[in-house]
PDB file of N, CA and C in Angstrom:
ATOM      1  N   MET A   1      -6.351 -15.826 -53.152  1.00  0.00           N
ATOM      2  CA  MET A   1      -6.460 -14.489 -54.145  1.00  0.00           C
ATOM      3  C   MET A   1      -7.254 -13.771 -53.377  1.00  0.00           C
ATOM      4  N   GLU A   2      -6.945 -12.366 -53.481  1.00  0.00           N
ATOM      5  CA  GLU A   2      -7.930 -11.341 -53.225  1.00  0.00           C
ATOM      6  C   GLU A   2      -9.233 -11.068 -53.969  1.00  0.00           C
ATOM      7  N   ILE A   3     -10.290 -10.318 -53.181  1.00  0.00           N
ATOM      8  CA  ILE A   3     -11.503 -10.112 -53.861  1.00  0.00           C
ATOM      9  C   ILE A   3     -11.445  -9.400 -55.320  1.00  0.00           C
ATOM     10  N   LEU A   4     -10.547  -8.222 -55.056  1.00  0.00           N
ATOM     11  CA  LEU A   4     -10.089  -7.654 -56.460  1.00  0.00           C
ATOM     12  C   LEU A   4      -9.807  -8.227 -57.560  1.00  0.00           C
ATOM     13  N   GLN A   5      -8.815  -9.244 -57.092  1.00  0.00           N
ATOM     14  CA  GLN A   5      -8.020  -9.981 -57.912  1.00  0.00           C
ATOM     15  C   GLN A   5      -9.347 -11.013 -58.591  1.00  0.00           C
ATOM     16  N   LEU A   6     -10.004 -11.386 -57.919  1.00  0.00           N
ATOM     17  CA  LEU A   6     -11.098 -12.429 -58.385  1.00  0.00           C
ATOM     18  C   LEU A   6     -11.896 -11.619 -59.411  1.00  0.00           C
ATOM     19  N   ILE A   7     -12.366 -10.558 -59.050  1.00  0.00           N
ATOM     20  CA  ILE A   7     -13.430  -9.644 -59.627  1.00  0.00           C
ATOM     21  C   ILE A   7     -12.603  -9.313 -61.071  1.00  0.00           C
ATOM     22  N   ALA A   8     -11.320  -9.164 -61.188  1.00  0.00           N
ATOM     23  CA  ALA A   8     -10.362  -8.669 -62.341  1.00  0.00           C
ATOM     24  C   ALA A   8     -10.621  -9.670 -63.282  1.00  0.00           C
ATOM     25  N   LEU A   9     -10.406 -10.913 -62.701  1.00  0.00           N
ATOM     26  CA  LEU A   9     -10.291 -12.218 -63.535  1.00  0.00           C
ATOM     27  C   LEU A   9     -11.818 -12.682 -63.771  1.00  0.00           C
ATOM     28  N   GLY A  10     -12.584 -12.392 -63.233  1.00  0.00           N
ATOM     29  CA  GLY A  10     -14.067 -12.719 -63.735  1.00  0.00           C
ATOM     30  C   GLY A  10     -14.366 -11.742 -64.869  1.00  0.00           C
ATOM     31  N   LEU A  11     -13.835 -10.558 -65.004  1.00  0.00           N
ATOM     32  CA  LEU A  11     -14.255  -9.426 -65.694  1.00  0.00           C
ATOM     33  C   LEU A  11     -13.449  -9.621 -66.923  1.00  0.00           C
ATOM     34  N   ASP A  12     -12.331 -10.422 -67.035  1.00  0.00           N
ATOM     35  CA  ASP A  12     -11.544 -10.578 -68.078  1.00  0.00           C
ATOM     36  C   ASP A  12     -12.133 -11.854 -68.802  1.00  0.00           C
ATOM     37  N   VAL A  13     -12.822 -13.026 -68.086  1.00  0.00           N
ATOM     38  CA  VAL A  13     -13.335 -14.164 -68.611  1.00  0.00           C
ATOM     39  C   VAL A  13     -14.674 -13.510 -69.437  1.00  0.00           C
ATOM     40  N   LEU A  14     -15.311 -12.386 -68.605  1.00  0.00           N
ATOM     41  CA  LEU A  14     -16.300 -11.936 -69.424  1.00  0.00           C
ATOM     42  C   LEU A  14     -16.172 -11.366 -70.631  1.00  0.00           C
ATOM     43  N   LEU A  15     -15.050 -10.658 -70.714  1.00  0.00           N
ATOM     44  CA  LEU A  15     -14.722  -9.955 -71.965  1.00  0.00           C
ATOM     45  C   LEU A  15     -14.151 -10.919 -73.209  1.00  0.00           C
ATOM     46  N   VAL A  16     -13.368 -12.193 -72.695  1.00  0.00           N
ATOM     47  CA  VAL A  16     -13.424 -13.255 -73.794  1.00  0.00           C
ATOM     48  C   VAL A  16     -14.813 -13.752 -74.262  1.00  0.00           C
ATOM     49  N   ALA A  17     -15.653 -14.068 -73.071  1.00  0.00           N
ATOM     50  CA  ALA A  17     -17.124 -14.638 -73.680  1.00  0.00           C
ATOM     51  C   ALA A  17     -17.750 -13.927 -74.482  1.00  0.00           C
ATOM     52  N   ALA A  18     -17.762 -12.544 -74.127  1.00  0.00           N
ATOM     53  CA  ALA A  18     -18.413 -11.374 -75.135  1.00  0.00           C
ATOM     54  C   ALA A  18     -17.843 -11.390 -76.699  1.00  0.00           C
ATOM     55  N   ALA A  19     -16.481 -11.503 -76.562  1.00  0.00           N
ATOM     56  CA  ALA A  19     -15.741 -11.676 -77.893  1.00  0.00           C
ATOM     57  C   ALA A  19     -16.245 -12.622 -78.605  1.00  0.00           C
ATOM     58  N   ILE A  20     -16.287 -13.981 -78.184  1.00  0.00           N
ATOM     59  CA  ILE A  20     -16.792 -15.026 -78.619  1.00  0.00           C
ATOM     60  C   ILE A  20     -18.153 -15.055 -79.082  1.00  0.00           C
ATOM     61  N   MET A  21     -18.987 -14.529 -78.326  1.00  0.00           N
ATOM     62  CA  MET A  21     -20.398 -14.048 -78.447  1.00  0.00           C
ATOM     63  C   MET A  21     -20.412 -13.455 -79.789  1.00  0.00           C
ATOM     64  N   ALA A  22     -19.691 -12.148 -79.888  1.00  0.00           N
ATOM     65  CA  ALA A  22     -19.608 -11.387 -81.055  1.00  0.00           C
ATOM     66  C   ALA A  22     -19.310 -12.053 -82.280  1.00  0.00           C
ATOM     67  N   TYR A  23     -18.305 -12.901 -82.168  1.00  0.00           N
ATOM     68  CA  TYR A  23     -18.032 -13.805 -83.384  1.00  0.00           C
ATOM     69  C   TYR A  23     -18.913 -14.612 -83.921  1.00  0.00           C
ATOM     70  N   LEU A  24     -19.599 -15.262 -82.918  1.00  0.00           N
ATOM     71  CA  LEU A  24     -20.645 -16.474 -83.124  1.00  0.00           C
ATOM     72  C   LEU A  24     -22.030 -15.593 -83.703  1.00  0.00           C
ATOM     73  N   THR A  25     -22.300 -14.607 -83.352  1.00  0.00           N
ATOM     74  CA  THR A  25     -23.454 -13.710 -83.600  1.00  0.00           C
ATOM     75  C   THR A  25     -23.295 -12.541 -84.755  1.00  0.00           C
ATOM     76  N   ARG A  26     -22.173 -12.681 -85.368  1.00  0.00           N
ATOM     77  CA  ARG A  26     -21.784 -11.598 -86.631  1.00  0.00           C
ATOM     78  C   ARG A  26     -22.600 -12.089 -87.892  1.00  0.00           C
ATOM     79  N   PRO A  27     -23.114 -11.081 -88.573  1.00  0.00           N
ATOM     80  CA  PRO A  27     -24.034 -11.180 -89.544  1.00  0.00           C
ATOM     81  C   PRO A  27     -23.552 -12.292 -90.506  1.00  0.00           C
ATOM     82  N   ARG A  28     -24.316 -12.828 -91.141  1.00  0.00           N
ATOM     83  CA  ARG A  28     -23.936 -13.841 -92.173  1.00  0.00           C
ATOM     84  C   ARG A  28     -24.000 -13.037 -93.754  1.00  0.00           C
ATOM     85  N   ILE A  29     -22.782 -12.201 -93.888  1.00  0.00           N
ATOM     86  CA  ILE A  29     -22.880 -11.600 -95.260  1.00  0.00           C
ATOM     87  C   ILE A  29     -21.735 -12.411 -95.770  1.00  0.00           C
ATOM     88  N   GLY A  30     -21.484 -12.302 -97.034  1.00  0.00           N
ATOM     89  CA  GLY A  30     -20.772 -13.018 -98.085  1.00  0.00           C
ATOM     90  C   GLY A  30     -19.544 -12.083 -98.395  1.00  0.00           C
ATOM     91  N   GLY A  31     -18.450 -12.913 -99.043  1.00  0.00           N
ATOM     92  CA  GLY A  31     -17.476 -12.117 -99.984  1.00  0.00           C
ATOM     93  C   GLY A  31     -16.399 -11.653 -98.975  1.00  0.00           C
ATOM     94  N   GLU A  32     -15.733 -10.479 -99.395  1.00  0.00           N
ATOM     95  CA  GLU A  32     -14.625  -9.889 -98.612  1.00  0.00           C
ATOM     96  C   GLU A  32     -14.851  -9.268 -97.324  1.00  0.00           C
ATOM     97  N   LEU A  33     -16.327  -8.722 -97.407  1.00  0.00           N
ATOM     98  CA  LEU A  33     -16.718  -8.056 -96.352  1.00  0.00           C
ATOM     99  C   LEU A  33     -16.910  -9.193 -95.023  1.00  0.00           C
ATOM    100  N   ALA A  34     -17.389 -10.051 -95.216  1.00  0.00           N
ATOM    101  CA  ALA A  34     -17.426 -11.171 -94.401  1.00  0.00           C
ATOM    102  C   ALA A  34     -16.063 -11.535 -93.743  1.00  0.00           C
ATOM    103  N   ARG A  35     -15.311 -11.819 -94.708  1.00  0.00           N
ATOM    104  CA  ARG A  35     -13.615 -12.074 -94.277  1.00  0.00           C
ATOM    105  C   ARG A  35     -13.273 -10.929 -93.419  1.00  0.00           C
ATOM    106  N   GLY A  36     -13.324  -9.739 -93.872  1.00  0.00           N
ATOM    107  CA  GLY A  36     -12.746  -8.800 -93.230  1.00  0.00           C
ATOM    108  C   GLY A  36     -13.551  -8.638 -91.611  1.00  0.00           C
ATOM    109  N   LEU A  37     -14.661  -8.798 -91.808  1.00  0.00           N
ATOM    110  CA  LEU A  37     -15.432  -8.883 -90.252  1.00  0.00           C
ATOM    111  C   LEU A  37     -14.868  -9.931 -89.422  1.00  0.00           C
ATOM    112  N   GLY A  38     -14.722 -11.318 -89.879  1.00  0.00           N
ATOM    113  CA  GLY A  38     -13.954 -12.184 -89.262  1.00  0.00           C
ATOM    114  C   GLY A  38     -12.810 -11.996 -88.623  1.00  0.00           C
ATOM    115  N   ILE A  39     -12.089 -11.515 -89.667  1.00  0.00           N
ATOM    116  CA  ILE A  39     -10.813 -11.199 -89.188  1.00  0.00           C
ATOM    117  C   ILE A  39     -10.641 -10.166 -87.857  1.00  0.00           C
ATOM    118  N   LEU A  40     -11.465  -9.031 -88.104  1.00  0.00           N
ATOM    119  CA  LEU A  40     -11.612  -8.035 -87.147  1.00  0.00           C
ATOM    120  C   LEU A  40     -12.010  -8.593 -85.510  1.00  0.00           C
ATOM    121  N   LEU A  41     -12.961  -9.620 -85.963  1.00  0.00           N
ATOM    122  CA  LEU A  41     -13.578 -10.016 -84.588  1.00  0.00           C
ATOM    123  C   LEU A  41     -12.460 -11.307 -83.785  1.00  0.00           C
ATOM    124  N   VAL A  42     -11.489 -11.758 -84.637  1.00  0.00           N
ATOM    125  CA  VAL A  42     -10.565 -12.689 -84.323  1.00  0.00           C
ATOM    126  C   VAL A  42      -9.571 -11.674 -83.339  1.00  0.00           C
ATOM    127  N   GLY A  43      -9.561 -10.740 -84.007  1.00  0.00           N
ATOM    128  CA  GLY A  43      -8.747  -9.523 -83.384  1.00  0.00           C
ATOM    129  C   GLY A  43      -9.129  -8.909 -81.765  1.00  0.00           C
ATOM    130  N   VAL A  44     -10.328  -8.807 -81.837  1.00  0.00           N
ATOM    131  CA  VAL A  44     -11.040  -8.682 -80.565  1.00  0.00           C
ATOM    132  C   VAL A  44     -11.195  -9.611 -79.529  1.00  0.00           C
ATOM    133  N   MET A  45     -11.049 -10.988 -80.153  1.00  0.00           N
ATOM    134  CA  MET A  45     -11.055 -12.064 -79.219  1.00  0.00           C
ATOM    135  C   MET A  45      -9.622 -11.898 -78.433  1.00  0.00           C
ATOM    136  N   ILE A  46      -8.636 -11.720 -79.474  1.00  0.00           N
ATOM    137  CA  ILE A  46      -7.129 -11.786 -78.926  1.00  0.00           C
ATOM    138  C   ILE A  46      -6.897 -10.510 -77.718  1.00  0.00           C
ATOM    139  N   LEU A  47      -7.701  -9.311 -78.105  1.00  0.00           N
ATOM    140  CA  LEU A  47      -7.607  -8.506 -77.047  1.00  0.00           C
ATOM    141  C   LEU A  47      -8.272  -8.912 -75.936  1.00  0.00           C
ATOM    142  N   GLY A  48      -9.485  -9.634 -75.715  1.00  0.00           N
ATOM    143  CA  GLY A  48      -9.902 -10.134 -74.505  1.00  0.00           C
ATOM    144  C   GLY A  48      -8.814 -10.962 -74.107  1.00  0.00           C
ATOM    145  N   LEU A  49      -8.249 -11.789 -74.772  1.00  0.00           N
ATOM    146  CA  LEU A  49      -7.289 -12.789 -74.085  1.00  0.00           C
ATOM    147  C   LEU A  49      -6.197 -12.112 -73.654  1.00  0.00           C
ATOM    148  N   ALA A  50      -5.891 -11.130 -73.946  1.00  0.00           N
ATOM    149  CA  ALA A  50      -4.645 -10.441 -73.866  1.00  0.00           C
ATOM    150  C   ALA A  50      -4.880 -10.043 -71.994  1.00  0.00           C
ATOM    151  N   HIS A  51      -5.990  -9.547 -72.034  1.00  0.00           N
ATOM    152  CA  HIS A  51      -6.428  -9.162 -70.526  1.00  0.00           C
ATOM    153  C   HIS A  51      -6.494 -10.560 -69.573  1.00  0.00           C
ATOM    154  N   LEU A  52      -7.170 -11.528 -70.200  1.00  0.00           N
ATOM    155  CA  LEU A  52      -7.233 -12.803 -69.351  1.00  0.00           C
ATOM    156  C   LEU A  52      -6.117 -13.435 -69.081  1.00  0.00           C
ATOM    157  N   LEU A  53      -5.049 -13.123 -70.081  1.00  0.00           N
ATOM    158  CA  LEU A  53      -3.326 -13.756 -69.814  1.00  0.00           C
ATOM    159  C   LEU A  53      -2.856 -12.756 -68.936  1.00  0.00           C
ATOM    160  N   GLU A  54      -3.023 -11.654 -68.767  1.00  0.00           N
ATOM    161  CA  GLU A  54      -2.472 -10.862 -67.865  1.00  0.00           C
ATOM    162  C   GLU A  54      -2.919 -11.231 -66.572  1.00  0.00           C
ATOM    163  N   SER A  55      -4.215 -11.304 -66.377  1.00  0.00           N
ATOM    164  CA  SER A  55      -4.800 -11.763 -64.844  1.00  0.00           C
ATOM    165  C   SER A  55      -4.014 -12.838 -64.428  1.00  0.00           C
ATOM    166  N   ILE A  56      -3.860 -13.837 -65.427  1.00  0.00           N
ATOM    167  CA  ILE A  56      -3.357 -15.299 -64.906  1.00  0.00           C
ATOM    168  C   ILE A  56      -2.052 -15.199 -64.861  1.00  0.00           C
ATOM    169  N   LEU A  57      -1.172 -14.686 -65.532  1.00  0.00           N
ATOM    170  CA  LEU A  57      -0.019 -14.423 -65.517  1.00  0.00           C
ATOM    171  C   LEU A  57       0.609 -13.423 -63.922  1.00  0.00           C
ATOM    172  N   PHE A  58      -0.599 -12.713 -63.364  1.00  0.00           N
ATOM    173  CA  PHE A  58       0.185 -11.779 -62.370  1.00  0.00           C
ATOM    174  C   PHE A  58      -0.561 -12.617 -61.414  1.00  0.00           C
ATOM    175  N   VAL A  59      -1.871 -13.116 -61.306  1.00  0.00           N
ATOM    176  CA  VAL A  59      -2.341 -13.761 -60.214  1.00  0.00           C
ATOM    177  C   VAL A  59      -2.312 -15.264 -59.848  1.00  0.00           C
ATOM    178  N   VAL A  60      -2.280 -15.804 -60.757  1.00  0.00           N
ATOM    179  CA  VAL A  60      -2.021 -17.349 -60.630  1.00  0.00           C
ATOM    180  C   VAL A  60      -0.495 -17.708 -60.717  1.00  0.00           C
ATOM    181  N   ILE A  61       0.088 -17.411 -61.826  1.00  0.00           N
ATOM    182  CA  ILE A  61       1.723 -17.770 -62.036  1.00  0.00           C
ATOM    183  C   ILE A  61       2.321 -16.896 -61.060  1.00  0.00           C
ATOM    184  N   ASN A  62       1.972 -15.806 -60.956  1.00  0.00           N
ATOM    185  CA  ASN A  62       3.034 -14.767 -60.116  1.00  0.00           C
ATOM    186  C   ASN A  62       4.082 -14.231 -60.629  1.00  0.00           C
ATOM    187  N   VAL A  63       4.041 -14.004 -62.264  1.00  0.00           N
ATOM    188  CA  VAL A  63       5.141 -13.473 -62.970  1.00  0.00           C
ATOM    189  C   VAL A  63       5.123 -11.930 -62.567  1.00  0.00           C
ATOM    190  N   GLY A  64       6.569 -11.572 -62.794  1.00  0.00           N
ATOM    191  CA  GLY A  64       6.868 -10.297 -62.274  1.00  0.00           C
ATOM    192  C   GLY A  64       6.103  -9.244 -63.172  1.00  0.00           C
ATOM    193  N   LEU A  65       5.918  -8.070 -62.293  1.00  0.00           N
ATOM    194  CA  LEU A  65       5.315  -7.030 -62.961  1.00  0.00           C
ATOM    195  C   LEU A  65       5.563  -6.310 -64.671  1.00  0.00           C
ATOM    196  N   TYR A  66       6.951  -6.056 -64.892  1.00  0.00           N
ATOM    197  CA  TYR A  66       7.361  -5.704 -66.000  1.00  0.00           C
ATOM    198  C   TYR A  66       7.117  -6.755 -66.783  1.00  0.00           C
ATOM    199  N   VAL A  67       7.557  -7.995 -66.568  1.00  0.00           N
ATOM    200  CA  VAL A  67       7.599  -8.933 -67.716  1.00  0.00           C
ATOM    201  C   VAL A  67       5.958  -9.011 -68.118  1.00  0.00           C
ATOM    202  N   ASN A  68       5.290  -9.203 -67.040  1.00  0.00           N
ATOM    203  CA  ASN A  68       3.525  -9.292 -67.525  1.00  0.00           C
ATOM    204  C   ASN A  68       3.342  -8.023 -68.284  1.00  0.00           C
ATOM    205  N   GLU A  69       3.695  -6.833 -67.849  1.00  0.00           N
ATOM    206  CA  GLU A  69       3.198  -5.723 -68.857  1.00  0.00           C
ATOM    207  C   GLU A  69       3.716  -5.750 -70.171  1.00  0.00           C
ATOM    208  N   VAL A  70       4.755  -6.375 -70.408  1.00  0.00           N
ATOM    209  CA  VAL A  70       5.424  -6.237 -71.821  1.00  0.00           C
ATOM    210  C   VAL A  70       4.740  -7.562 -72.661  1.00  0.00           C
ATOM    211  N   VAL A  71       4.292  -8.725 -71.983  1.00  0.00           N
ATOM    212  CA  VAL A  71       3.538  -9.628 -72.521  1.00  0.00           C
ATOM    213  C   VAL A  71       2.082  -9.275 -72.912  1.00  0.00           C
ATOM    214  N   HIS A  72       1.675  -8.322 -71.810  1.00  0.00           N
ATOM    215  CA  HIS A  72       0.220  -7.735 -72.347  1.00  0.00           C
ATOM    216  C   HIS A  72       0.224  -6.975 -73.309  1.00  0.00           C
ATOM    217  N   ARG A  73       0.897  -5.972 -73.560  1.00  0.00           N
ATOM    218  CA  ARG A  73       1.258  -5.058 -74.639  1.00  0.00           C
ATOM    219  C   ARG A  73       1.705  -5.846 -75.864  1.00  0.00           C
ATOM    220  N   LEU A  74       2.435  -6.823 -75.878  1.00  0.00           N
ATOM    221  CA  LEU A  74       2.828  -7.406 -77.026  1.00  0.00           C
ATOM    222  C   LEU A  74       1.175  -8.371 -77.585  1.00  0.00           C
ATOM    223  N   PHE A  75       0.634  -9.115 -76.607  1.00  0.00           N
ATOM    224  CA  PHE A  75      -0.722  -9.437 -76.980  1.00  0.00           C
ATOM    225  C   PHE A  75      -1.873  -8.349 -77.570  1.00  0.00           C
ATOM    226  N   VAL A  76      -1.644  -7.138 -76.802  1.00  0.00           N
ATOM    227  CA  VAL A  76      -2.709  -6.048 -77.330  1.00  0.00           C
ATOM    228  C   VAL A  76      -2.460  -5.439 -78.828  1.00  0.00           C
ATOM    229  N   GLY A  77      -0.915  -5.281 -78.960  1.00  0.00           N
ATOM    230  CA  GLY A  77      -0.448  -5.153 -80.341  1.00  0.00           C
ATOM    231  C   GLY A  77      -0.697  -5.964 -81.377  1.00  0.00           C
ATOM    232  N   PHE A  78      -0.532  -7.236 -80.890  1.00  0.00           N
ATOM    233  CA  PHE A  78      -1.157  -8.301 -81.756  1.00  0.00           C
ATOM    234  C   PHE A  78      -2.506  -8.284 -82.386  1.00  0.00           C
ATOM    235  N   GLY A  79      -3.367  -8.082 -81.229  1.00  0.00           N
ATOM    236  CA  GLY A  79      -4.994  -8.232 -81.550  1.00  0.00           C
ATOM    237  C   GLY A  79      -5.354  -6.519 -82.188  1.00  0.00           C
ATOM    238  N   PHE A  80      -4.507  -5.677 -81.957  1.00  0.00           N
ATOM    239  CA  PHE A  80      -4.899  -4.364 -83.044  1.00  0.00           C
ATOM    240  C   PHE A  80      -4.320  -4.579 -84.520  1.00  0.00           C
ATOM    241  N   VAL A  81      -3.401  -5.303 -84.460  1.00  0.00           N
ATOM    242  CA  VAL A  81      -2.933  -5.735 -86.139  1.00  0.00           C
ATOM    243  C   VAL A  81      -4.058  -6.395 -86.645  1.00  0.00           C
ATOM    244  N   TRP A  82      -4.579  -7.517 -86.050  1.00  0.00           N
ATOM    245  CA  TRP A  82      -5.740  -8.212 -86.579  1.00  0.00           C
ATOM    246  C   TRP A  82      -6.852  -7.103 -86.849  1.00  0.00           C
ATOM    247  N   VAL A  83      -7.212  -6.483 -85.848  1.00  0.00           N
ATOM    248  CA  VAL A  83      -8.479  -5.437 -85.851  1.00  0.00           C
ATOM    249  C   VAL A  83      -8.056  -4.754 -87.141  1.00  0.00           C
ATOM    250  N   ILE A  84      -6.952  -3.985 -87.278  1.00  0.00           N
ATOM    251  CA  ILE A  84      -6.570  -3.232 -88.513  1.00  0.00           C
ATOM    252  C   ILE A  84      -6.803  -3.813 -89.780  1.00  0.00           C
ATOM    253  N   VAL A  85      -6.218  -5.109 -89.933  1.00  0.00           N
ATOM    254  CA  VAL A  85      -6.321  -5.929 -90.963  1.00  0.00           C
ATOM    255  C   VAL A  85      -7.883  -5.987 -91.409  1.00  0.00           C
ATOM    256  N   GLY A  86      -8.504  -6.358 -90.604  1.00  0.00           N
ATOM    257  CA  GLY A  86      -9.968  -6.785 -90.528  1.00  0.00           C
ATOM    258  C   GLY A  86     -10.643  -5.369 -91.244  1.00  0.00           C
ATOM    259  N   PHE A  87     -10.224  -4.475 -90.706  1.00  0.00           N
ATOM    260  CA  PHE A  87     -10.890  -2.884 -91.180  1.00  0.00           C
ATOM    261  C   PHE A  87     -10.468  -2.704 -92.651  1.00  0.00           C
ATOM    262  N   VAL A  88      -9.037  -3.050 -92.805  1.00  0.00           N
ATOM    263  CA  VAL A  88      -8.400  -2.673 -94.378  1.00  0.00           C
ATOM    264  C   VAL A  88      -9.313  -3.723 -95.448  1.00  0.00           C
ATOM    265  N   THR A  89      -9.311  -4.885 -94.949  1.00  0.00           N
ATOM    266  CA  THR A  89     -10.102  -5.913 -95.766  1.00  0.00           C
ATOM    267  C   THR A  89     -11.396  -5.320 -96.039  1.00  0.00           C
ATOM    268  N   MET A  90     -12.253  -4.983 -95.054  1.00  0.00           N
ATOM    269  CA  MET A  90     -13.724  -4.443 -95.150  1.00  0.00           C
ATOM    270  C   MET A  90     -13.813  -3.416 -95.860  1.00  0.00           C
ATOM    271  N   ASN A  91     -12.906  -2.416 -95.845  1.00  0.00           N
ATOM    272  CA  ASN A  91     -12.744  -1.102 -96.651  1.00  0.00           C
ATOM    273  C   ASN A  91     -12.594  -1.810 -98.059  1.00  0.00           C
ATOM    274  N   ARG A  92     -11.499  -2.662 -98.385  1.00  0.00           N
ATOM    275  CA  ARG A  92     -11.689  -3.071 -99.789  1.00  0.00           C
ATOM    276  C   ARG A  92     -12.688  -3.553-100.374  1.00  0.00           C
ATOM    277  N   ALA A  93     -13.535  -4.162 -99.374  1.00  0.00           N
ATOM    278  CA  ALA A  93     -14.785  -4.968-100.167  1.00  0.00           C
ATOM    279  C   ALA A  93     -15.837  -3.657-100.300  1.00  0.00           C
ATOM    280  N   PHE A  94     -15.948  -2.527 -99.644  1.00  0.00           N
ATOM    281  CA  PHE A  94     -16.640  -1.637 -99.970  1.00  0.00           C
ATOM    282  C   PHE A  94     -16.342  -0.756-101.474  1.00  0.00           C
ATOM    283  N   ARG A  95     -14.895  -0.745-101.555  1.00  0.00           N
ATOM    284  CA  ARG A  95     -14.287  -0.139-102.671  1.00  0.00           C
ATOM    285  C   ARG A  95     -14.718  -0.677-104.059  1.00  0.00           C
ATOM    286  N   GLU A  96     -14.796  -2.180-104.077  1.00  0.00           N
ATOM    287  CA  GLU A  96     -14.891  -2.689-105.235  1.00  0.00           C
ATOM    288  C   GLU A  96     -16.337  -2.789-105.719  1.00  0.00           C
TER     289      GLU A  96
END
């Protein structure tokens, strides 16, 4: 494994760790707002995992470029769906 691949893998691990830390240190608020924030932060974790998965597929498992890029984009899209649902839920909490 090349040094830049190791650096990328390390940064991906940091992204996932930061997302987990954000989830664990989120403010303890109640109701719909808390639910929306939790959903949003799960989406952030999925986005971090998408990058880690891309590095693992590319470097460790040696999956082809185009397959890897499609899988990465599917995970990123899925993560953004969670982020959007989280924001919609939080927005609904503010309107009530």
